[in-house]
Amino acid sequence: MFATRFWRSMVGEDGGSEGVDDAFAQRHAVGIGAEIMGRGKFGPQTGPWTDLGADDEWKGWWGPNPPFHTPVFVLTHHPRPTLEMEGGNVFHFLDATPEEALEQAREAAGGLDVRIGGGPTVVRDFLAAGLIDHLHVVQVPVLLGRGVRLWDGLEGLEDAYDIETVASPGGVTHLNFTRRP
């Protein structure tokens, strides 16, 4: 996504790739009124915000104007006060079940969709609870480490979704899951 024309224009840069990856990136924010993410997507800290050297003032990876421009619900076992930033970005830190977080995000979304932004543990928990209607996963052919396994415990998932794959000339594969009626 970071190499696409969409992303580069969003962060004020010129250029970027076009084609399949850019087309998927262009759809990233269409119709989204709120986002749910895990704490690891918000920042590298673990544990209580003031323990282990974590910076209580950490405001995420993105600088003063994050790319969401919606209310964002960060799932964490260590809530902290709401954080308001530029561009309509408001981060709420919740210790909640997927169902509880989704209920709050839907209310904040004002009739628009709620994106489950990741990481893999959050996505897996929402899939296991049957709360995802459409899922777009980008599979990159690079091994960065062991990481968290997205599909563990989700046996039979393919029975509930229609799955479409789209290969990109850049080597990534876009996997689209759409819940069957």
N, C-alpha and C. Protein backbone atom coordinates (compact mmCIF):
# COMPACT_ATOMS: atom_id res chain seq x y z
N MET A 1 0.82 -1.19 0.00
CA MET A 1 0.00 0.00 0.00
C MET A 1 0.86 1.25 0.00
N PHE A 2 1.99 1.23 0.71
CA PHE A 2 2.82 2.42 0.85
C PHE A 2 3.44 2.86 -0.47
N ALA A 3 3.54 1.96 -1.44
CA ALA A 3 4.14 2.31 -2.74
C ALA A 3 3.10 2.80 -3.74
N THR A 4 1.81 2.77 -3.40
CA THR A 4 0.77 3.13 -4.36
C THR A 4 0.62 4.64 -4.51
N ARG A 5 0.08 5.03 -5.65
CA ARG A 5 -0.23 6.45 -5.90
C ARG A 5 -1.21 6.97 -4.84
N PHE A 6 -2.19 6.13 -4.47
CA PHE A 6 -3.17 6.51 -3.45
C PHE A 6 -2.47 6.92 -2.15
N TRP A 7 -1.59 6.05 -1.64
CA TRP A 7 -0.94 6.32 -0.36
C TRP A 7 -0.05 7.55 -0.46
N ARG A 8 0.74 7.61 -1.53
CA ARG A 8 1.67 8.74 -1.66
C ARG A 8 0.93 10.07 -1.72
N SER A 9 -0.19 10.11 -2.43
CA SER A 9 -0.94 11.37 -2.49
C SER A 9 -1.55 11.69 -1.12
N MET A 10 -1.94 10.65 -0.37
CA MET A 10 -2.54 10.85 0.95
C MET A 10 -1.53 11.45 1.93
N VAL A 11 -0.25 11.11 1.77
CA VAL A 11 0.77 11.63 2.69
C VAL A 11 1.53 12.81 2.07
N GLY A 12 1.00 13.36 0.97
CA GLY A 12 1.57 14.56 0.38
C GLY A 12 2.78 14.35 -0.51
N GLU A 13 2.94 13.14 -1.05
CA GLU A 13 4.07 12.85 -1.93
C GLU A 13 3.58 12.62 -3.35
N ASP A 14 4.48 12.79 -4.31
CA ASP A 14 4.17 12.54 -5.72
C ASP A 14 4.48 11.09 -6.07
N GLY A 15 3.98 10.67 -7.24
CA GLY A 15 4.32 9.35 -7.78
C GLY A 15 3.55 8.23 -7.14
N GLY A 16 4.11 7.05 -7.24
CA GLY A 16 3.47 5.86 -6.70
C GLY A 16 2.98 4.95 -7.80
N SER A 17 2.83 3.69 -7.46
CA SER A 17 2.40 2.70 -8.44
C SER A 17 0.91 2.83 -8.73
N GLU A 18 0.54 2.37 -9.91
CA GLU A 18 -0.86 2.30 -10.31
C GLU A 18 -1.19 0.83 -10.51
N GLY A 19 -2.35 0.53 -11.01
CA GLY A 19 -2.71 -0.85 -11.27
C GLY A 19 -3.50 -1.48 -10.15
N VAL A 20 -3.39 -2.79 -10.02
CA VAL A 20 -4.20 -3.58 -9.09
C VAL A 20 -4.05 -3.10 -7.65
N ASP A 21 -2.81 -2.96 -7.20
CA ASP A 21 -2.59 -2.57 -5.80
C ASP A 21 -3.16 -1.19 -5.51
N ASP A 22 -2.98 -0.25 -6.44
CA ASP A 22 -3.52 1.09 -6.25
C ASP A 22 -5.05 1.06 -6.27
N ALA A 23 -5.64 0.24 -7.14
CA ALA A 23 -7.11 0.14 -7.20
C ALA A 23 -7.67 -0.35 -5.86
N PHE A 24 -7.03 -1.34 -5.26
CA PHE A 24 -7.48 -1.81 -3.95
C PHE A 24 -7.26 -0.73 -2.89
N ALA A 25 -6.14 -0.04 -2.93
CA ALA A 25 -5.86 1.01 -1.96
C ALA A 25 -6.87 2.14 -2.06
N GLN A 26 -7.31 2.47 -3.27
CA GLN A 26 -8.30 3.54 -3.47
C GLN A 26 -9.60 3.23 -2.72
N ARG A 27 -9.90 1.95 -2.54
CA ARG A 27 -11.14 1.55 -1.87
C ARG A 27 -11.00 1.51 -0.35
N HIS A 28 -9.81 1.81 0.14
CA HIS A 28 -9.47 1.67 1.56
C HIS A 28 -10.43 2.41 2.50
N ALA A 29 -10.80 3.62 2.16
CA ALA A 29 -11.60 4.43 3.09
C ALA A 29 -13.03 4.69 2.62
N VAL A 30 -13.40 4.16 1.47
CA VAL A 30 -14.73 4.44 0.92
C VAL A 30 -15.81 3.83 1.82
N GLY A 31 -16.71 4.68 2.30
CA GLY A 31 -17.84 4.21 3.10
C GLY A 31 -17.52 3.84 4.53
N ILE A 32 -16.31 4.18 5.01
CA ILE A 32 -15.91 3.81 6.37
C ILE A 32 -16.21 4.96 7.33
N GLY A 33 -16.90 4.64 8.42
CA GLY A 33 -17.25 5.65 9.40
C GLY A 33 -16.54 5.49 10.73
N ALA A 34 -15.89 4.34 10.95
CA ALA A 34 -15.12 4.09 12.18
C ALA A 34 -14.21 2.90 11.93
N GLU A 35 -13.20 2.77 12.76
CA GLU A 35 -12.26 1.65 12.65
C GLU A 35 -12.02 1.06 14.02
N ILE A 36 -11.79 -0.26 14.02
CA ILE A 36 -11.38 -0.98 15.23
C ILE A 36 -10.01 -1.57 14.93
N MET A 37 -9.08 -1.38 15.85
CA MET A 37 -7.74 -1.95 15.68
C MET A 37 -7.24 -2.47 17.01
N GLY A 38 -6.22 -3.30 16.93
CA GLY A 38 -5.56 -3.78 18.14
C GLY A 38 -4.50 -2.79 18.58
N ARG A 39 -4.05 -2.96 19.78
CA ARG A 39 -3.05 -2.05 20.33
C ARG A 39 -1.75 -2.08 19.55
N GLY A 40 -1.38 -3.24 19.02
CA GLY A 40 -0.14 -3.35 18.26
C GLY A 40 -0.16 -2.53 16.98
N LYS A 41 -1.33 -2.30 16.40
CA LYS A 41 -1.41 -1.45 15.22
C LYS A 41 -1.27 0.01 15.63
N PHE A 42 -1.72 0.35 16.84
CA PHE A 42 -1.59 1.72 17.32
C PHE A 42 -0.15 2.06 17.69
N GLY A 43 0.55 1.12 18.30
CA GLY A 43 1.91 1.40 18.73
C GLY A 43 2.62 0.18 19.26
N PRO A 44 3.92 0.29 19.54
CA PRO A 44 4.73 -0.88 19.91
C PRO A 44 4.65 -1.27 21.39
N GLN A 45 4.00 -0.46 22.22
CA GLN A 45 4.00 -0.71 23.65
C GLN A 45 3.15 -1.93 24.01
N THR A 46 3.54 -2.58 25.09
CA THR A 46 2.73 -3.63 25.69
C THR A 46 2.62 -3.33 27.18
N GLY A 47 1.64 -3.93 27.84
CA GLY A 47 1.47 -3.69 29.26
C GLY A 47 0.88 -2.32 29.53
N PRO A 48 0.83 -1.95 30.80
CA PRO A 48 0.32 -0.62 31.15
C PRO A 48 1.11 0.47 30.42
N TRP A 49 0.44 1.55 30.07
CA TRP A 49 1.07 2.60 29.27
C TRP A 49 2.26 3.24 29.96
N THR A 50 2.29 3.26 31.27
CA THR A 50 3.39 3.91 31.97
C THR A 50 4.45 2.93 32.44
N ASP A 51 4.26 1.63 32.22
CA ASP A 51 5.26 0.63 32.60
C ASP A 51 6.17 0.31 31.42
N LEU A 52 7.24 -0.37 31.70
CA LEU A 52 8.17 -0.88 30.69
C LEU A 52 8.71 0.24 29.79
N GLY A 53 8.78 1.45 30.31
CA GLY A 53 9.33 2.56 29.54
C GLY A 53 8.38 3.10 28.48
N ALA A 54 7.13 2.64 28.46
CA ALA A 54 6.17 3.12 27.46
C ALA A 54 5.91 4.61 27.68
N ASP A 55 5.81 5.34 26.59
CA ASP A 55 5.59 6.77 26.65
C ASP A 55 4.09 7.04 26.77
N ASP A 56 3.69 7.62 27.90
CA ASP A 56 2.28 7.91 28.15
C ASP A 56 1.71 8.88 27.11
N GLU A 57 2.57 9.59 26.41
CA GLU A 57 2.12 10.56 25.42
C GLU A 57 2.15 10.01 24.00
N TRP A 58 2.45 8.73 23.82
CA TRP A 58 2.51 8.13 22.48
C TRP A 58 1.20 8.36 21.76
N LYS A 59 1.28 8.80 20.51
CA LYS A 59 0.08 9.12 19.74
C LYS A 59 0.01 8.31 18.45
N GLY A 60 0.67 7.17 18.42
CA GLY A 60 0.58 6.30 17.25
C GLY A 60 1.72 6.51 16.27
N TRP A 61 1.72 5.67 15.26
CA TRP A 61 2.79 5.63 14.26
C TRP A 61 2.71 6.77 13.25
N TRP A 62 1.63 7.51 13.15
CA TRP A 62 1.29 8.28 11.96
C TRP A 62 1.56 9.76 12.02
N GLY A 63 1.99 10.31 13.12
CA GLY A 63 2.17 11.75 13.23
C GLY A 63 0.89 12.43 13.68
N PRO A 64 0.82 13.77 13.56
CA PRO A 64 -0.30 14.52 14.13
C PRO A 64 -1.64 14.34 13.39
N ASN A 65 -1.60 13.85 12.13
CA ASN A 65 -2.83 13.69 11.35
C ASN A 65 -2.89 12.27 10.77
N PRO A 66 -3.29 11.29 11.58
CA PRO A 66 -3.35 9.90 11.11
C PRO A 66 -4.27 9.73 9.90
N PRO A 67 -4.10 8.65 9.14
CA PRO A 67 -4.83 8.48 7.88
C PRO A 67 -6.27 7.98 8.01
N PHE A 68 -6.81 7.88 9.22
CA PHE A 68 -8.13 7.28 9.39
C PHE A 68 -9.27 8.29 9.20
N HIS A 69 -9.16 9.45 9.79
CA HIS A 69 -10.16 10.53 9.69
C HIS A 69 -11.55 10.08 10.14
N THR A 70 -11.57 9.22 11.13
CA THR A 70 -12.80 8.69 11.72
C THR A 70 -12.52 8.41 13.19
N PRO A 71 -13.54 8.08 13.95
CA PRO A 71 -13.30 7.54 15.28
C PRO A 71 -12.60 6.18 15.14
N VAL A 72 -11.62 5.93 15.99
CA VAL A 72 -10.88 4.66 15.98
C VAL A 72 -10.97 4.08 17.39
N PHE A 73 -11.29 2.79 17.45
CA PHE A 73 -11.42 2.09 18.71
C PHE A 73 -10.26 1.11 18.83
N VAL A 74 -9.36 1.37 19.78
CA VAL A 74 -8.17 0.56 19.98
C VAL A 74 -8.46 -0.44 21.09
N LEU A 75 -8.42 -1.73 20.76
CA LEU A 75 -8.65 -2.76 21.77
C LEU A 75 -7.37 -3.00 22.55
N THR A 76 -7.46 -2.88 23.86
CA THR A 76 -6.31 -3.03 24.74
C THR A 76 -6.80 -3.46 26.11
N HIS A 77 -5.97 -4.18 26.82
CA HIS A 77 -6.31 -4.53 28.20
C HIS A 77 -5.90 -3.41 29.15
N HIS A 78 -5.36 -2.33 28.60
CA HIS A 78 -4.89 -1.20 29.39
C HIS A 78 -5.45 0.09 28.81
N PRO A 79 -6.75 0.37 29.04
CA PRO A 79 -7.35 1.58 28.48
C PRO A 79 -6.63 2.84 28.96
N ARG A 80 -6.78 3.88 28.19
CA ARG A 80 -6.27 5.20 28.54
C ARG A 80 -7.28 6.23 28.06
N PRO A 81 -7.15 7.49 28.43
CA PRO A 81 -8.13 8.49 28.00
C PRO A 81 -8.20 8.61 26.47
N THR A 82 -9.34 9.05 25.98
CA THR A 82 -9.54 9.30 24.55
C THR A 82 -8.51 10.31 24.06
N LEU A 83 -8.02 10.09 22.85
CA LEU A 83 -6.99 10.93 22.25
C LEU A 83 -7.56 11.55 20.98
N GLU A 84 -7.68 12.87 20.94
CA GLU A 84 -8.18 13.57 19.76
C GLU A 84 -7.00 14.15 19.00
N MET A 85 -7.02 13.95 17.67
CA MET A 85 -5.93 14.43 16.83
C MET A 85 -6.50 15.16 15.62
N GLU A 86 -5.62 15.68 14.77
CA GLU A 86 -6.04 16.40 13.57
C GLU A 86 -6.85 15.50 12.64
N GLY A 87 -7.62 16.13 11.76
CA GLY A 87 -8.30 15.41 10.69
C GLY A 87 -9.49 14.57 11.12
N GLY A 88 -10.06 14.84 12.29
CA GLY A 88 -11.20 14.06 12.74
C GLY A 88 -10.83 12.72 13.34
N ASN A 89 -9.55 12.52 13.62
CA ASN A 89 -9.08 11.28 14.23
C ASN A 89 -9.29 11.34 15.74
N VAL A 90 -10.12 10.43 16.25
CA VAL A 90 -10.36 10.33 17.68
C VAL A 90 -10.13 8.87 18.06
N PHE A 91 -9.16 8.64 18.95
CA PHE A 91 -8.82 7.28 19.37
C PHE A 91 -9.43 7.01 20.74
N HIS A 92 -10.24 5.93 20.81
CA HIS A 92 -10.85 5.47 22.05
C HIS A 92 -10.16 4.15 22.41
N PHE A 93 -9.74 4.00 23.63
CA PHE A 93 -9.00 2.81 24.07
C PHE A 93 -9.92 1.97 24.94
N LEU A 94 -10.24 0.76 24.46
CA LEU A 94 -11.26 -0.08 25.10
C LEU A 94 -10.70 -1.42 25.54
N ASP A 95 -11.16 -1.88 26.68
CA ASP A 95 -10.98 -3.28 27.08
C ASP A 95 -12.36 -3.89 26.91
N ALA A 96 -12.62 -4.47 25.73
CA ALA A 96 -13.97 -4.89 25.37
C ALA A 96 -13.93 -6.15 24.52
N THR A 97 -15.04 -6.86 24.48
CA THR A 97 -15.17 -8.00 23.58
C THR A 97 -15.36 -7.47 22.16
N PRO A 98 -15.16 -8.31 21.14
CA PRO A 98 -15.44 -7.86 19.78
C PRO A 98 -16.86 -7.32 19.61
N GLU A 99 -17.84 -7.98 20.22
CA GLU A 99 -19.23 -7.54 20.10
C GLU A 99 -19.42 -6.15 20.72
N GLU A 100 -18.84 -5.94 21.90
CA GLU A 100 -18.97 -4.64 22.57
C GLU A 100 -18.28 -3.53 21.77
N ALA A 101 -17.09 -3.82 21.28
CA ALA A 101 -16.35 -2.82 20.49
C ALA A 101 -17.10 -2.48 19.21
N LEU A 102 -17.64 -3.50 18.55
CA LEU A 102 -18.38 -3.27 17.31
C LEU A 102 -19.63 -2.44 17.56
N GLU A 103 -20.31 -2.69 18.65
CA GLU A 103 -21.51 -1.91 18.98
C GLU A 103 -21.15 -0.42 19.13
N GLN A 104 -20.07 -0.12 19.85
CA GLN A 104 -19.65 1.27 20.02
C GLN A 104 -19.20 1.89 18.70
N ALA A 105 -18.46 1.12 17.91
CA ALA A 105 -17.97 1.64 16.62
C ALA A 105 -19.12 1.89 15.66
N ARG A 106 -20.11 1.00 15.63
CA ARG A 106 -21.27 1.21 14.75
C ARG A 106 -22.01 2.49 15.12
N GLU A 107 -22.16 2.72 16.40
CA GLU A 107 -22.83 3.94 16.85
C GLU A 107 -22.05 5.18 16.38
N ALA A 108 -20.73 5.13 16.50
CA ALA A 108 -19.90 6.26 16.10
C ALA A 108 -19.83 6.42 14.58
N ALA A 109 -20.04 5.34 13.83
CA ALA A 109 -19.90 5.36 12.37
C ALA A 109 -21.04 6.07 11.67
N GLY A 110 -22.12 6.33 12.36
CA GLY A 110 -23.22 7.09 11.78
C GLY A 110 -23.82 6.46 10.52
N GLY A 111 -24.01 5.15 10.53
CA GLY A 111 -24.63 4.47 9.40
C GLY A 111 -23.64 4.01 8.34
N LEU A 112 -22.37 4.38 8.46
CA LEU A 112 -21.35 3.90 7.52
C LEU A 112 -20.77 2.60 8.05
N ASP A 113 -19.87 1.99 7.27
CA ASP A 113 -19.26 0.73 7.66
C ASP A 113 -18.19 0.92 8.73
N VAL A 114 -17.89 -0.16 9.44
CA VAL A 114 -16.82 -0.20 10.42
C VAL A 114 -15.73 -1.10 9.86
N ARG A 115 -14.52 -0.56 9.78
CA ARG A 115 -13.38 -1.37 9.30
C ARG A 115 -12.70 -2.00 10.51
N ILE A 116 -12.41 -3.30 10.41
CA ILE A 116 -11.61 -3.99 11.40
C ILE A 116 -10.19 -3.93 10.85
N GLY A 117 -9.39 -3.04 11.40
CA GLY A 117 -8.10 -2.72 10.80
C GLY A 117 -6.95 -3.63 11.17
N GLY A 118 -7.10 -4.49 12.10
CA GLY A 118 -6.01 -5.40 12.44
C GLY A 118 -5.44 -5.07 13.80
N GLY A 119 -4.44 -5.75 14.16
CA GLY A 119 -3.67 -6.83 13.62
C GLY A 119 -4.39 -8.15 13.54
N PRO A 120 -3.58 -9.18 13.29
CA PRO A 120 -4.15 -10.50 13.02
C PRO A 120 -4.97 -11.08 14.18
N THR A 121 -4.59 -10.82 15.41
CA THR A 121 -5.35 -11.34 16.54
C THR A 121 -6.74 -10.72 16.57
N VAL A 122 -6.82 -9.42 16.34
CA VAL A 122 -8.12 -8.74 16.31
C VAL A 122 -8.98 -9.28 15.18
N VAL A 123 -8.40 -9.41 13.99
CA VAL A 123 -9.16 -9.92 12.83
C VAL A 123 -9.64 -11.34 13.13
N ARG A 124 -8.76 -12.18 13.66
CA ARG A 124 -9.14 -13.57 13.98
C ARG A 124 -10.28 -13.60 14.99
N ASP A 125 -10.22 -12.76 16.03
CA ASP A 125 -11.28 -12.73 17.04
C ASP A 125 -12.62 -12.32 16.43
N PHE A 126 -12.62 -11.33 15.54
CA PHE A 126 -13.86 -10.88 14.90
C PHE A 126 -14.38 -11.92 13.92
N LEU A 127 -13.49 -12.60 13.20
CA LEU A 127 -13.92 -13.69 12.31
C LEU A 127 -14.54 -14.83 13.12
N ALA A 128 -13.89 -15.22 14.20
CA ALA A 128 -14.40 -16.31 15.03
C ALA A 128 -15.77 -15.99 15.61
N ALA A 129 -16.02 -14.71 15.88
CA ALA A 129 -17.31 -14.29 16.43
C ALA A 129 -18.36 -14.09 15.34
N GLY A 130 -17.99 -14.27 14.06
CA GLY A 130 -18.93 -14.11 12.96
C GLY A 130 -19.32 -12.67 12.70
N LEU A 131 -18.42 -11.73 12.96
CA LEU A 131 -18.75 -10.31 12.87
C LEU A 131 -18.18 -9.61 11.62
N ILE A 132 -17.60 -10.35 10.71
CA ILE A 132 -17.02 -9.73 9.51
C ILE A 132 -17.81 -10.16 8.28
N ASP A 133 -18.31 -9.17 7.54
CA ASP A 133 -19.05 -9.44 6.30
C ASP A 133 -18.13 -9.49 5.09
N HIS A 134 -17.12 -8.62 5.07
CA HIS A 134 -16.17 -8.59 3.95
C HIS A 134 -14.77 -8.44 4.54
N LEU A 135 -13.84 -9.23 4.00
CA LEU A 135 -12.46 -9.21 4.48
C LEU A 135 -11.52 -9.12 3.29
N HIS A 136 -10.60 -8.17 3.34
CA HIS A 136 -9.56 -8.03 2.32
C HIS A 136 -8.22 -8.25 3.00
N VAL A 137 -7.53 -9.32 2.60
CA VAL A 137 -6.22 -9.66 3.15
C VAL A 137 -5.22 -9.56 2.02
N VAL A 138 -4.11 -8.88 2.27
CA VAL A 138 -3.04 -8.78 1.28
C VAL A 138 -1.93 -9.71 1.72
N GLN A 139 -1.66 -10.72 0.91
CA GLN A 139 -0.61 -11.69 1.20
C GLN A 139 0.65 -11.28 0.46
N VAL A 140 1.70 -11.02 1.22
CA VAL A 140 2.96 -10.56 0.66
C VAL A 140 3.97 -11.70 0.76
N PRO A 141 4.68 -12.00 -0.33
CA PRO A 141 5.60 -13.14 -0.31
C PRO A 141 6.94 -12.82 0.36
N VAL A 142 6.89 -12.30 1.58
CA VAL A 142 8.10 -11.98 2.34
C VAL A 142 7.90 -12.54 3.74
N LEU A 143 8.88 -13.26 4.23
CA LEU A 143 8.81 -13.79 5.58
C LEU A 143 9.52 -12.82 6.50
N LEU A 144 8.76 -12.14 7.37
CA LEU A 144 9.33 -11.14 8.27
C LEU A 144 9.59 -11.70 9.66
N GLY A 145 9.19 -12.90 9.90
CA GLY A 145 9.32 -13.50 11.23
C GLY A 145 8.14 -14.43 11.44
N ARG A 146 8.06 -14.98 12.58
CA ARG A 146 6.99 -15.93 12.86
C ARG A 146 5.64 -15.23 12.95
N GLY A 147 5.55 -14.12 13.66
CA GLY A 147 4.31 -13.37 13.74
C GLY A 147 3.16 -14.14 14.35
N VAL A 148 1.97 -13.60 14.17
CA VAL A 148 0.74 -14.20 14.66
C VAL A 148 0.04 -14.86 13.48
N ARG A 149 -0.38 -16.08 13.65
CA ARG A 149 -1.02 -16.84 12.58
C ARG A 149 -2.50 -16.45 12.50
N LEU A 150 -2.88 -15.86 11.38
CA LEU A 150 -4.23 -15.36 11.19
C LEU A 150 -5.28 -16.46 11.18
N TRP A 151 -5.00 -17.58 10.56
CA TRP A 151 -6.05 -18.57 10.29
C TRP A 151 -6.21 -19.62 11.39
N ASP A 152 -5.35 -19.66 12.40
CA ASP A 152 -5.46 -20.67 13.46
C ASP A 152 -6.82 -20.58 14.15
N GLY A 153 -7.47 -21.73 14.31
CA GLY A 153 -8.76 -21.80 15.00
C GLY A 153 -9.94 -21.41 14.14
N LEU A 154 -9.71 -21.13 12.87
CA LEU A 154 -10.81 -20.71 11.99
C LEU A 154 -11.12 -21.77 10.93
N GLU A 155 -10.94 -23.04 11.28
CA GLU A 155 -11.22 -24.11 10.35
C GLU A 155 -12.67 -24.03 9.87
N GLY A 156 -12.89 -24.25 8.58
CA GLY A 156 -14.22 -24.19 8.00
C GLY A 156 -14.65 -22.78 7.60
N LEU A 157 -13.79 -21.81 7.78
CA LEU A 157 -14.11 -20.42 7.42
C LEU A 157 -14.52 -20.32 5.96
N GLU A 158 -13.87 -21.11 5.11
CA GLU A 158 -14.16 -21.05 3.67
C GLU A 158 -15.60 -21.47 3.35
N ASP A 159 -16.27 -22.15 4.27
CA ASP A 159 -17.66 -22.55 4.04
C ASP A 159 -18.63 -21.38 4.21
N ALA A 160 -18.20 -20.35 4.94
CA ALA A 160 -19.07 -19.21 5.21
C ALA A 160 -18.85 -18.03 4.26
N TYR A 161 -17.79 -18.10 3.46
CA TYR A 161 -17.42 -16.97 2.60
C TYR A 161 -17.16 -17.40 1.17
N ASP A 162 -17.51 -16.52 0.23
CA ASP A 162 -17.02 -16.65 -1.13
C ASP A 162 -15.65 -16.00 -1.14
N ILE A 163 -14.68 -16.65 -1.79
CA ILE A 163 -13.30 -16.16 -1.76
C ILE A 163 -12.84 -15.88 -3.18
N GLU A 164 -12.31 -14.69 -3.38
CA GLU A 164 -11.76 -14.29 -4.67
C GLU A 164 -10.31 -13.90 -4.45
N THR A 165 -9.43 -14.34 -5.35
CA THR A 165 -8.03 -13.95 -5.28
C THR A 165 -7.67 -13.15 -6.51
N VAL A 166 -6.86 -12.12 -6.31
CA VAL A 166 -6.38 -11.28 -7.40
C VAL A 166 -4.88 -11.13 -7.22
N ALA A 167 -4.12 -11.58 -8.20
CA ALA A 167 -2.65 -11.46 -8.14
C ALA A 167 -2.22 -10.12 -8.70
N SER A 168 -1.21 -9.56 -8.08
CA SER A 168 -0.66 -8.28 -8.51
C SER A 168 0.69 -8.51 -9.19
N PRO A 169 1.03 -7.71 -10.21
CA PRO A 169 2.36 -7.84 -10.82
C PRO A 169 3.49 -7.62 -9.81
N GLY A 170 3.20 -6.91 -8.71
CA GLY A 170 4.21 -6.68 -7.68
C GLY A 170 4.46 -7.90 -6.82
N GLY A 171 3.71 -8.98 -7.02
CA GLY A 171 3.95 -10.21 -6.28
C GLY A 171 3.03 -10.45 -5.12
N VAL A 172 2.16 -9.51 -4.78
CA VAL A 172 1.23 -9.74 -3.69
C VAL A 172 -0.05 -10.36 -4.23
N THR A 173 -0.77 -11.02 -3.36
CA THR A 173 -2.07 -11.59 -3.71
C THR A 173 -3.12 -10.96 -2.80
N HIS A 174 -4.16 -10.43 -3.43
CA HIS A 174 -5.28 -9.85 -2.68
C HIS A 174 -6.32 -10.95 -2.51
N LEU A 175 -6.66 -11.26 -1.27
CA LEU A 175 -7.68 -12.26 -0.96
C LEU A 175 -8.91 -11.53 -0.45
N ASN A 176 -10.04 -11.74 -1.13
CA ASN A 176 -11.28 -11.08 -0.74
C ASN A 176 -12.29 -12.13 -0.32
N PHE A 177 -12.76 -11.99 0.92
CA PHE A 177 -13.75 -12.90 1.49
C PHE A 177 -15.06 -12.12 1.61
N THR A 178 -16.14 -12.65 1.08
CA THR A 178 -17.45 -12.03 1.20
C THR A 178 -18.40 -13.06 1.80
N ARG A 179 -19.01 -12.68 2.93
CA ARG A 179 -19.91 -13.61 3.63
C ARG A 179 -21.04 -14.05 2.70
N ARG A 180 -21.29 -15.36 2.69
CA ARG A 180 -22.41 -15.89 1.90
C ARG A 180 -23.71 -15.60 2.62
N PRO A 181 -24.79 -15.39 1.83
CA PRO A 181 -26.09 -15.12 2.47
C PRO A 181 -26.58 -16.32 3.27
